[in-house]
Amino acid sequence: MKATSMRTLTVSLTLKQAERMKDAVDSGDYASNSEIVRDALRLWEQREEVRAIELEYLRRAYADGKASGEGESVDRHEFLQGLKQGRSSRA
């Protein structure tokens, strides 16, 4: 396994966050505070990737909607009544 260069950073935490990190290390769930931070950053990176995918999906859906033509007015009461009738016919 290739060694990865590391950089030391200073991070400010609340007392509760620091205590939770200490508990995680003391319990053996993590080997060090650094391991906890790296795990948290991996989760953050994954969340950012999911957000980017979702944003691209929304952009495409918007573009598809715009390309589908002019919209039409719908009476909300008739629309909801149709949904309710469809649901009751499936039951």
PDB file of N, CA and C in Angstrom:
ATOM      1  N   MET A   1       0.838  -1.177   0.000  1.00  0.00           N
ATOM      2  CA  MET A   1       0.000   0.000   0.000  1.00  0.00           C
ATOM      3  C   MET A   1       0.883   1.240   0.000  1.00  0.00           C
ATOM      4  N   LYS A   2       0.606   2.162  -0.907  1.00  0.00           N
ATOM      5  CA  LYS A   2       1.410   3.361  -1.053  1.00  0.00           C
ATOM      6  C   LYS A   2       1.113   4.328   0.083  1.00  0.00           C
ATOM      7  N   ALA A   3       2.150   4.882   0.669  1.00  0.00           N
ATOM      8  CA  ALA A   3       1.975   5.846   1.762  1.00  0.00           C
ATOM      9  C   ALA A   3       1.386   7.136   1.207  1.00  0.00           C
ATOM     10  N   THR A   4       0.445   7.697   1.944  1.00  0.00           N
ATOM     11  CA  THR A   4      -0.192   8.945   1.555  1.00  0.00           C
ATOM     12  C   THR A   4       0.390  10.066   2.396  1.00  0.00           C
ATOM     13  N   SER A   5       0.735  11.165   1.751  1.00  0.00           N
ATOM     14  CA  SER A   5       1.264  12.292   2.524  1.00  0.00           C
ATOM     15  C   SER A   5       0.129  12.904   3.329  1.00  0.00           C
ATOM     16  N   MET A   6       0.443  13.309   4.529  1.00  0.00           N
ATOM     17  CA  MET A   6      -0.545  13.872   5.441  1.00  0.00           C
ATOM     18  C   MET A   6      -0.206  15.319   5.722  1.00  0.00           C
ATOM     19  N   ARG A   7      -1.230  16.074   6.054  1.00  0.00           N
ATOM     20  CA  ARG A   7      -1.062  17.474   6.424  1.00  0.00           C
ATOM     21  C   ARG A   7      -1.775  17.685   7.742  1.00  0.00           C
ATOM     22  N   THR A   8      -1.147  18.376   8.646  1.00  0.00           N
ATOM     23  CA  THR A   8      -1.725  18.660   9.948  1.00  0.00           C
ATOM     24  C   THR A   8      -2.546  19.947   9.868  1.00  0.00           C
ATOM     25  N   LEU A   9      -3.767  19.875  10.374  1.00  0.00           N
ATOM     26  CA  LEU A   9      -4.655  21.031  10.429  1.00  0.00           C
ATOM     27  C   LEU A   9      -5.147  21.223  11.849  1.00  0.00           C
ATOM     28  N   THR A  10      -5.489  22.435  12.187  1.00  0.00           N
ATOM     29  CA  THR A  10      -6.099  22.725  13.479  1.00  0.00           C
ATOM     30  C   THR A  10      -7.587  22.896  13.258  1.00  0.00           C
ATOM     31  N   VAL A  11      -8.383  22.190  14.062  1.00  0.00           N
ATOM     32  CA  VAL A  11      -9.838  22.226  13.927  1.00  0.00           C
ATOM     33  C   VAL A  11     -10.439  22.552  15.284  1.00  0.00           C
ATOM     34  N   SER A  12     -11.406  23.451  15.294  1.00  0.00           N
ATOM     35  CA  SER A  12     -12.105  23.781  16.539  1.00  0.00           C
ATOM     36  C   SER A  12     -13.389  22.971  16.624  1.00  0.00           C
ATOM     37  N   LEU A  13     -13.618  22.381  17.783  1.00  0.00           N
ATOM     38  CA  LEU A  13     -14.801  21.558  18.021  1.00  0.00           C
ATOM     39  C   LEU A  13     -15.523  22.053  19.265  1.00  0.00           C
ATOM     40  N   THR A  14     -16.814  21.734  19.338  1.00  0.00           N
ATOM     41  CA  THR A  14     -17.527  22.006  20.572  1.00  0.00           C
ATOM     42  C   THR A  14     -17.065  20.997  21.615  1.00  0.00           C
ATOM     43  N   LEU A  15     -17.326  21.275  22.856  1.00  0.00           N
ATOM     44  CA  LEU A  15     -16.964  20.355  23.929  1.00  0.00           C
ATOM     45  C   LEU A  15     -17.642  18.999  23.720  1.00  0.00           C
ATOM     46  N   LYS A  16     -18.902  19.025  23.303  1.00  0.00           N
ATOM     47  CA  LYS A  16     -19.637  17.776  23.076  1.00  0.00           C
ATOM     48  C   LYS A  16     -18.993  16.967  21.947  1.00  0.00           C
ATOM     49  N   GLN A  17     -18.610  17.634  20.863  1.00  0.00           N
ATOM     50  CA  GLN A  17     -17.971  16.935  19.755  1.00  0.00           C
ATOM     51  C   GLN A  17     -16.648  16.319  20.191  1.00  0.00           C
ATOM     52  N   ALA A  18     -15.862  17.059  20.953  1.00  0.00           N
ATOM     53  CA  ALA A  18     -14.571  16.549  21.434  1.00  0.00           C
ATOM     54  C   ALA A  18     -14.779  15.347  22.352  1.00  0.00           C
ATOM     55  N   GLU A  19     -15.790  15.418  23.207  1.00  0.00           N
ATOM     56  CA  GLU A  19     -16.085  14.292  24.104  1.00  0.00           C
ATOM     57  C   GLU A  19     -16.522  13.065  23.321  1.00  0.00           C
ATOM     58  N   ARG A  20     -17.337  13.267  22.312  1.00  0.00           N
ATOM     59  CA  ARG A  20     -17.795  12.132  21.494  1.00  0.00           C
ATOM     60  C   ARG A  20     -16.628  11.494  20.746  1.00  0.00           C
ATOM     61  N   MET A  21     -15.713  12.321  20.263  1.00  0.00           N
ATOM     62  CA  MET A  21     -14.531  11.767  19.598  1.00  0.00           C
ATOM     63  C   MET A  21     -13.690  10.969  20.578  1.00  0.00           C
ATOM     64  N   LYS A  22     -13.487  11.498  21.767  1.00  0.00           N
ATOM     65  CA  LYS A  22     -12.705  10.793  22.788  1.00  0.00           C
ATOM     66  C   LYS A  22     -13.370   9.455  23.121  1.00  0.00           C
ATOM     67  N   ASP A  23     -14.688   9.465  23.293  1.00  0.00           N
ATOM     68  CA  ASP A  23     -15.422   8.224  23.588  1.00  0.00           C
ATOM     69  C   ASP A  23     -15.256   7.200  22.467  1.00  0.00           C
ATOM     70  N   ALA A  24     -15.294   7.666  21.213  1.00  0.00           N
ATOM     71  CA  ALA A  24     -15.149   6.752  20.071  1.00  0.00           C
ATOM     72  C   ALA A  24     -13.760   6.121  20.037  1.00  0.00           C
ATOM     73  N   VAL A  25     -12.757   6.908  20.367  1.00  0.00           N
ATOM     74  CA  VAL A  25     -11.389   6.373  20.404  1.00  0.00           C
ATOM     75  C   VAL A  25     -11.222   5.452  21.613  1.00  0.00           C
ATOM     76  N   ASP A  26     -11.704   5.889  22.775  1.00  0.00           N
ATOM     77  CA  ASP A  26     -11.575   5.079  23.994  1.00  0.00           C
ATOM     78  C   ASP A  26     -12.287   3.737  23.875  1.00  0.00           C
ATOM     79  N   SER A  27     -13.410   3.713  23.153  1.00  0.00           N
ATOM     80  CA  SER A  27     -14.167   2.466  23.011  1.00  0.00           C
ATOM     81  C   SER A  27     -13.544   1.524  21.977  1.00  0.00           C
ATOM     82  N   GLY A  28     -12.607   2.044  21.197  1.00  0.00           N
ATOM     83  CA  GLY A  28     -11.977   1.223  20.171  1.00  0.00           C
ATOM     84  C   GLY A  28     -12.678   1.286  18.827  1.00  0.00           C
ATOM     85  N   ASP A  29     -13.739   2.084  18.733  1.00  0.00           N
ATOM     86  CA  ASP A  29     -14.428   2.217  17.447  1.00  0.00           C
ATOM     87  C   ASP A  29     -13.513   2.857  16.402  1.00  0.00           C
ATOM     88  N   TYR A  30     -12.649   3.740  16.843  1.00  0.00           N
ATOM     89  CA  TYR A  30     -11.672   4.397  15.975  1.00  0.00           C
ATOM     90  C   TYR A  30     -10.314   4.338  16.662  1.00  0.00           C
ATOM     91  N   ALA A  31      -9.265   4.335  15.852  1.00  0.00           N
ATOM     92  CA  ALA A  31      -7.908   4.272  16.401  1.00  0.00           C
ATOM     93  C   ALA A  31      -7.422   5.640  16.869  1.00  0.00           C
ATOM     94  N   SER A  32      -7.960   6.710  16.255  1.00  0.00           N
ATOM     95  CA  SER A  32      -7.483   8.050  16.599  1.00  0.00           C
ATOM     96  C   SER A  32      -8.520   9.096  16.195  1.00  0.00           C
ATOM     97  N   ASN A  33      -8.303  10.305  16.699  1.00  0.00           N
ATOM     98  CA  ASN A  33      -9.159  11.420  16.285  1.00  0.00           C
ATOM     99  C   ASN A  33      -9.022  11.662  14.786  1.00  0.00           C
ATOM    100  N   SER A  34      -7.829  11.513  14.274  1.00  0.00           N
ATOM    101  CA  SER A  34      -7.598  11.716  12.846  1.00  0.00           C
ATOM    102  C   SER A  34      -8.421  10.748  12.011  1.00  0.00           C
ATOM    103  N   GLU A  35      -8.531   9.515  12.476  1.00  0.00           N
ATOM    104  CA  GLU A  35      -9.323   8.518  11.752  1.00  0.00           C
ATOM    105  C   GLU A  35     -10.796   8.937  11.721  1.00  0.00           C
ATOM    106  N   ILE A  36     -11.283   9.486  12.814  1.00  0.00           N
ATOM    107  CA  ILE A  36     -12.673   9.963  12.871  1.00  0.00           C
ATOM    108  C   ILE A  36     -12.884  11.086  11.859  1.00  0.00           C
ATOM    109  N   VAL A  37     -11.965  12.038  11.835  1.00  0.00           N
ATOM    110  CA  VAL A  37     -12.087  13.170  10.917  1.00  0.00           C
ATOM    111  C   VAL A  37     -12.014  12.691   9.468  1.00  0.00           C
ATOM    112  N   ARG A  38     -11.105  11.776   9.165  1.00  0.00           N
ATOM    113  CA  ARG A  38     -11.012  11.252   7.791  1.00  0.00           C
ATOM    114  C   ARG A  38     -12.303  10.536   7.403  1.00  0.00           C
ATOM    115  N   ASP A  39     -12.884   9.775   8.330  1.00  0.00           N
ATOM    116  CA  ASP A  39     -14.146   9.092   8.055  1.00  0.00           C
ATOM    117  C   ASP A  39     -15.263  10.109   7.808  1.00  0.00           C
ATOM    118  N   ALA A  40     -15.311  11.145   8.624  1.00  0.00           N
ATOM    119  CA  ALA A  40     -16.314  12.198   8.447  1.00  0.00           C
ATOM    120  C   ALA A  40     -16.149  12.893   7.100  1.00  0.00           C
ATOM    121  N   LEU A  41     -14.911  13.137   6.702  1.00  0.00           N
ATOM    122  CA  LEU A  41     -14.668  13.774   5.405  1.00  0.00           C
ATOM    123  C   LEU A  41     -15.058  12.876   4.243  1.00  0.00           C
ATOM    124  N   ARG A  42     -14.822  11.567   4.381  1.00  0.00           N
ATOM    125  CA  ARG A  42     -15.261  10.630   3.341  1.00  0.00           C
ATOM    126  C   ARG A  42     -16.776  10.675   3.193  1.00  0.00           C
ATOM    127  N   LEU A  43     -17.494  10.702   4.321  1.00  0.00           N
ATOM    128  CA  LEU A  43     -18.953  10.785   4.269  1.00  0.00           C
ATOM    129  C   LEU A  43     -19.411  12.099   3.635  1.00  0.00           C
ATOM    130  N   TRP A  44     -18.740  13.189   3.965  1.00  0.00           N
ATOM    131  CA  TRP A  44     -19.069  14.489   3.384  1.00  0.00           C
ATOM    132  C   TRP A  44     -18.843  14.472   1.869  1.00  0.00           C
ATOM    133  N   GLU A  45     -17.722  13.879   1.449  1.00  0.00           N
ATOM    134  CA  GLU A  45     -17.438  13.787   0.018  1.00  0.00           C
ATOM    135  C   GLU A  45     -18.515  12.969  -0.699  1.00  0.00           C
ATOM    136  N   GLN A  46     -18.938  11.861  -0.093  1.00  0.00           N
ATOM    137  CA  GLN A  46     -19.997  11.044  -0.683  1.00  0.00           C
ATOM    138  C   GLN A  46     -21.293  11.843  -0.794  1.00  0.00           C
ATOM    139  N   ARG A  47     -21.626  12.593   0.246  1.00  0.00           N
ATOM    140  CA  ARG A  47     -22.850  13.404   0.231  1.00  0.00           C
ATOM    141  C   ARG A  47     -22.777  14.460  -0.869  1.00  0.00           C
ATOM    142  N   GLU A  48     -21.617  15.068  -1.040  1.00  0.00           N
ATOM    143  CA  GLU A  48     -21.449  16.073  -2.090  1.00  0.00           C
ATOM    144  C   GLU A  48     -21.589  15.441  -3.474  1.00  0.00           C
ATOM    145  N   GLU A  49     -21.081  14.222  -3.653  1.00  0.00           N
ATOM    146  CA  GLU A  49     -21.235  13.524  -4.929  1.00  0.00           C
ATOM    147  C   GLU A  49     -22.699  13.240  -5.212  1.00  0.00           C
ATOM    148  N   VAL A  50     -23.437  12.802  -4.189  1.00  0.00           N
ATOM    149  CA  VAL A  50     -24.873  12.539  -4.353  1.00  0.00           C
ATOM    150  C   VAL A  50     -25.607  13.830  -4.701  1.00  0.00           C
ATOM    151  N   ARG A  51     -25.253  14.922  -4.033  1.00  0.00           N
ATOM    152  CA  ARG A  51     -25.881  16.219  -4.344  1.00  0.00           C
ATOM    153  C   ARG A  51     -25.636  16.614  -5.793  1.00  0.00           C
ATOM    154  N   ALA A  52     -24.413  16.406  -6.271  1.00  0.00           N
ATOM    155  CA  ALA A  52     -24.092  16.754  -7.653  1.00  0.00           C
ATOM    156  C   ALA A  52     -24.915  15.909  -8.627  1.00  0.00           C
ATOM    157  N   ILE A  53     -25.074  14.632  -8.334  1.00  0.00           N
ATOM    158  CA  ILE A  53     -25.877  13.743  -9.174  1.00  0.00           C
ATOM    159  C   ILE A  53     -27.334  14.183  -9.161  1.00  0.00           C
ATOM    160  N   GLU A  54     -27.861  14.502  -7.963  1.00  0.00           N
ATOM    161  CA  GLU A  54     -29.248  14.950  -7.862  1.00  0.00           C
ATOM    162  C   GLU A  54     -29.460  16.266  -8.593  1.00  0.00           C
ATOM    163  N   LEU A  55     -28.506  17.186  -8.489  1.00  0.00           N
ATOM    164  CA  LEU A  55     -28.621  18.467  -9.174  1.00  0.00           C
ATOM    165  C   LEU A  55     -28.627  18.269 -10.686  1.00  0.00           C
ATOM    166  N   GLU A  56     -27.773  17.392 -11.188  1.00  0.00           N
ATOM    167  CA  GLU A  56     -27.756  17.110 -12.617  1.00  0.00           C
ATOM    168  C   GLU A  56     -29.079  16.488 -13.059  1.00  0.00           C
ATOM    169  N   TYR A  57     -29.637  15.599 -12.249  1.00  0.00           N
ATOM    170  CA  TYR A  57     -30.937  14.995 -12.552  1.00  0.00           C
ATOM    171  C   TYR A  57     -32.008  16.084 -12.642  1.00  0.00           C
ATOM    172  N   LEU A  58     -32.009  17.011 -11.686  1.00  0.00           N
ATOM    173  CA  LEU A  58     -32.998  18.091 -11.695  1.00  0.00           C
ATOM    174  C   LEU A  58     -32.810  18.998 -12.909  1.00  0.00           C
ATOM    175  N   ARG A  59     -31.564  19.280 -13.257  1.00  0.00           N
ATOM    176  CA  ARG A  59     -31.314  20.111 -14.455  1.00  0.00           C
ATOM    177  C   ARG A  59     -31.855  19.446 -15.709  1.00  0.00           C
ATOM    178  N   ARG A  60     -31.614  18.142 -15.820  1.00  0.00           N
ATOM    179  CA  ARG A  60     -32.123  17.413 -16.990  1.00  0.00           C
ATOM    180  C   ARG A  60     -33.643  17.375 -16.991  1.00  0.00           C
ATOM    181  N   ALA A  61     -34.253  17.149 -15.825  1.00  0.00           N
ATOM    182  CA  ALA A  61     -35.710  17.113 -15.738  1.00  0.00           C
ATOM    183  C   ALA A  61     -36.299  18.470 -16.119  1.00  0.00           C
ATOM    184  N   TYR A  62     -35.659  19.530 -15.669  1.00  0.00           N
ATOM    185  CA  TYR A  62     -36.118  20.881 -16.013  1.00  0.00           C
ATOM    186  C   TYR A  62     -36.014  21.102 -17.515  1.00  0.00           C
ATOM    187  N   ALA A  63     -34.867  20.729 -18.083  1.00  0.00           N
ATOM    188  CA  ALA A  63     -34.669  20.893 -19.525  1.00  0.00           C
ATOM    189  C   ALA A  63     -35.680  20.061 -20.308  1.00  0.00           C
ATOM    190  N   ASP A  64     -35.931  18.838 -19.865  1.00  0.00           N
ATOM    191  CA  ASP A  64     -36.923  17.993 -20.527  1.00  0.00           C
ATOM    192  C   ASP A  64     -38.309  18.623 -20.442  1.00  0.00           C
ATOM    193  N   GLY A  65     -38.632  19.178 -19.285  1.00  0.00           N
ATOM    194  CA  GLY A  65     -39.928  19.826 -19.118  1.00  0.00           C
ATOM    195  C   GLY A  65     -40.069  21.030 -20.031  1.00  0.00           C
ATOM    196  N   LYS A  66     -39.024  21.848 -20.105  1.00  0.00           N
ATOM    197  CA  LYS A  66     -39.061  23.018 -20.982  1.00  0.00           C
ATOM    198  C   LYS A  66     -39.184  22.596 -22.443  1.00  0.00           C
ATOM    199  N   ALA A  67     -38.512  21.511 -22.815  1.00  0.00           N
ATOM    200  CA  ALA A  67     -38.520  21.052 -24.199  1.00  0.00           C
ATOM    201  C   ALA A  67     -39.826  20.355 -24.577  1.00  0.00           C
ATOM    202  N   SER A  68     -40.624  19.977 -23.597  1.00  0.00           N
ATOM    203  CA  SER A  68     -41.841  19.220 -23.889  1.00  0.00           C
ATOM    204  C   SER A  68     -42.972  20.104 -24.421  1.00  0.00           C
ATOM    205  N   GLY A  69     -42.771  21.395 -24.384  1.00  0.00           N
ATOM    206  CA  GLY A  69     -43.793  22.278 -24.950  1.00  0.00           C
ATOM    207  C   GLY A  69     -44.466  23.113 -23.887  1.00  0.00           C
ATOM    208  N   GLU A  70     -45.467  23.823 -24.342  1.00  0.00           N
ATOM    209  CA  GLU A  70     -46.207  24.734 -23.471  1.00  0.00           C
ATOM    210  C   GLU A  70     -47.025  23.943 -22.453  1.00  0.00           C
ATOM    211  N   GLY A  71     -47.070  24.449 -21.244  1.00  0.00           N
ATOM    212  CA  GLY A  71     -47.864  23.805 -20.204  1.00  0.00           C
ATOM    213  C   GLY A  71     -49.345  24.104 -20.380  1.00  0.00           C
ATOM    214  N   GLU A  72     -50.151  23.445 -19.581  1.00  0.00           N
ATOM    215  CA  GLU A  72     -51.593  23.694 -19.641  1.00  0.00           C
ATOM    216  C   GLU A  72     -52.125  23.877 -18.231  1.00  0.00           C
ATOM    217  N   SER A  73     -53.174  24.626 -18.125  1.00  0.00           N
ATOM    218  CA  SER A  73     -53.794  24.866 -16.822  1.00  0.00           C
ATOM    219  C   SER A  73     -54.576  23.637 -16.390  1.00  0.00           C
ATOM    220  N   VAL A  74     -54.507  23.355 -15.108  1.00  0.00           N
ATOM    221  CA  VAL A  74     -55.231  22.219 -14.542  1.00  0.00           C
ATOM    222  C   VAL A  74     -56.003  22.717 -13.334  1.00  0.00           C
ATOM    223  N   ASP A  75     -57.263  22.339 -13.266  1.00  0.00           N
ATOM    224  CA  ASP A  75     -58.067  22.677 -12.099  1.00  0.00           C
ATOM    225  C   ASP A  75     -57.661  21.731 -10.973  1.00  0.00           C
ATOM    226  N   ARG A  76     -57.156  22.289  -9.881  1.00  0.00           N
ATOM    227  CA  ARG A  76     -56.624  21.435  -8.819  1.00  0.00           C
ATOM    228  C   ARG A  76     -57.677  20.564  -8.180  1.00  0.00           C
ATOM    229  N   HIS A  77     -58.900  21.041  -8.065  1.00  0.00           N
ATOM    230  CA  HIS A  77     -59.963  20.238  -7.459  1.00  0.00           C
ATOM    231  C   HIS A  77     -60.293  19.027  -8.333  1.00  0.00           C
ATOM    232  N   GLU A  78     -60.389  19.253  -9.644  1.00  0.00           N
ATOM    233  CA  GLU A  78     -60.645  18.128 -10.561  1.00  0.00           C
ATOM    234  C   GLU A  78     -59.475  17.148 -10.559  1.00  0.00           C
ATOM    235  N   PHE A  79     -58.276  17.677 -10.525  1.00  0.00           N
ATOM    236  CA  PHE A  79     -57.089  16.825 -10.523  1.00  0.00           C
ATOM    237  C   PHE A  79     -57.052  15.940  -9.277  1.00  0.00           C
ATOM    238  N   LEU A  80     -57.272  16.554  -8.105  1.00  0.00           N
ATOM    239  CA  LEU A  80     -57.265  15.785  -6.860  1.00  0.00           C
ATOM    240  C   LEU A  80     -58.407  14.780  -6.823  1.00  0.00           C
ATOM    241  N   GLN A  81     -59.560  15.162  -7.330  1.00  0.00           N
ATOM    242  CA  GLN A  81     -60.698  14.234  -7.369  1.00  0.00           C
ATOM    243  C   GLN A  81     -60.365  13.030  -8.238  1.00  0.00           C
ATOM    244  N   GLY A  82     -59.706  13.265  -9.369  1.00  0.00           N
ATOM    245  CA  GLY A  82     -59.292  12.168 -10.245  1.00  0.00           C
ATOM    246  C   GLY A  82     -58.302  11.242  -9.559  1.00  0.00           C
ATOM    247  N   LEU A  83     -57.377  11.812  -8.789  1.00  0.00           N
ATOM    248  CA  LEU A  83     -56.428  10.982  -8.047  1.00  0.00           C
ATOM    249  C   LEU A  83     -57.149  10.134  -7.008  1.00  0.00           C
ATOM    250  N   LYS A  84     -58.088  10.735  -6.305  1.00  0.00           N
ATOM    251  CA  LYS A  84     -58.837   9.997  -5.279  1.00  0.00           C
ATOM    252  C   LYS A  84     -59.654   8.877  -5.905  1.00  0.00           C
ATOM    253  N   GLN A  85     -60.269   9.141  -7.034  1.00  0.00           N
ATOM    254  CA  GLN A  85     -61.056   8.105  -7.715  1.00  0.00           C
ATOM    255  C   GLN A  85     -60.171   6.969  -8.187  1.00  0.00           C
ATOM    256  N   GLY A  86     -58.990   7.316  -8.702  1.00  0.00           N
ATOM    257  CA  GLY A  86     -58.054   6.292  -9.148  1.00  0.00           C
ATOM    258  C   GLY A  86     -57.571   5.424  -8.010  1.00  0.00           C
ATOM    259  N   ARG A  87     -57.356   6.030  -6.851  1.00  0.00           N
ATOM    260  CA  ARG A  87     -56.899   5.290  -5.673  1.00  0.00           C
ATOM    261  C   ARG A  87     -57.998   4.358  -5.162  1.00  0.00           C
ATOM    262  N   SER A  88     -59.241   4.846  -5.153  1.00  0.00           N
ATOM    263  CA  SER A  88     -60.344   4.026  -4.625  1.00  0.00           C
ATOM    264  C   SER A  88     -60.677   2.881  -5.567  1.00  0.00           C
ATOM    265  N   SER A  89     -60.441   3.054  -6.885  1.00  0.00           N
ATOM    266  CA  SER A  89     -60.715   1.969  -7.819  1.00  0.00           C
ATOM    267  C   SER A  89     -59.657   0.875  -7.735  1.00  0.00           C
ATOM    268  N   ARG A  90     -58.452   1.208  -7.225  1.00  0.00           N
ATOM    269  CA  ARG A  90     -57.407   0.190  -7.066  1.00  0.00           C
ATOM    270  C   ARG A  90     -57.568  -0.580  -5.766  1.00  0.00           C
ATOM    271  N   ALA A  91     -58.260  -0.017  -4.806  1.00  0.00           N
ATOM    272  CA  ALA A  91     -58.382  -0.643  -3.478  1.00  0.00           C
ATOM    273  C   ALA A  91     -59.263  -1.854  -3.459  1.00  0.00           C
TER     274      ALA A  91
END
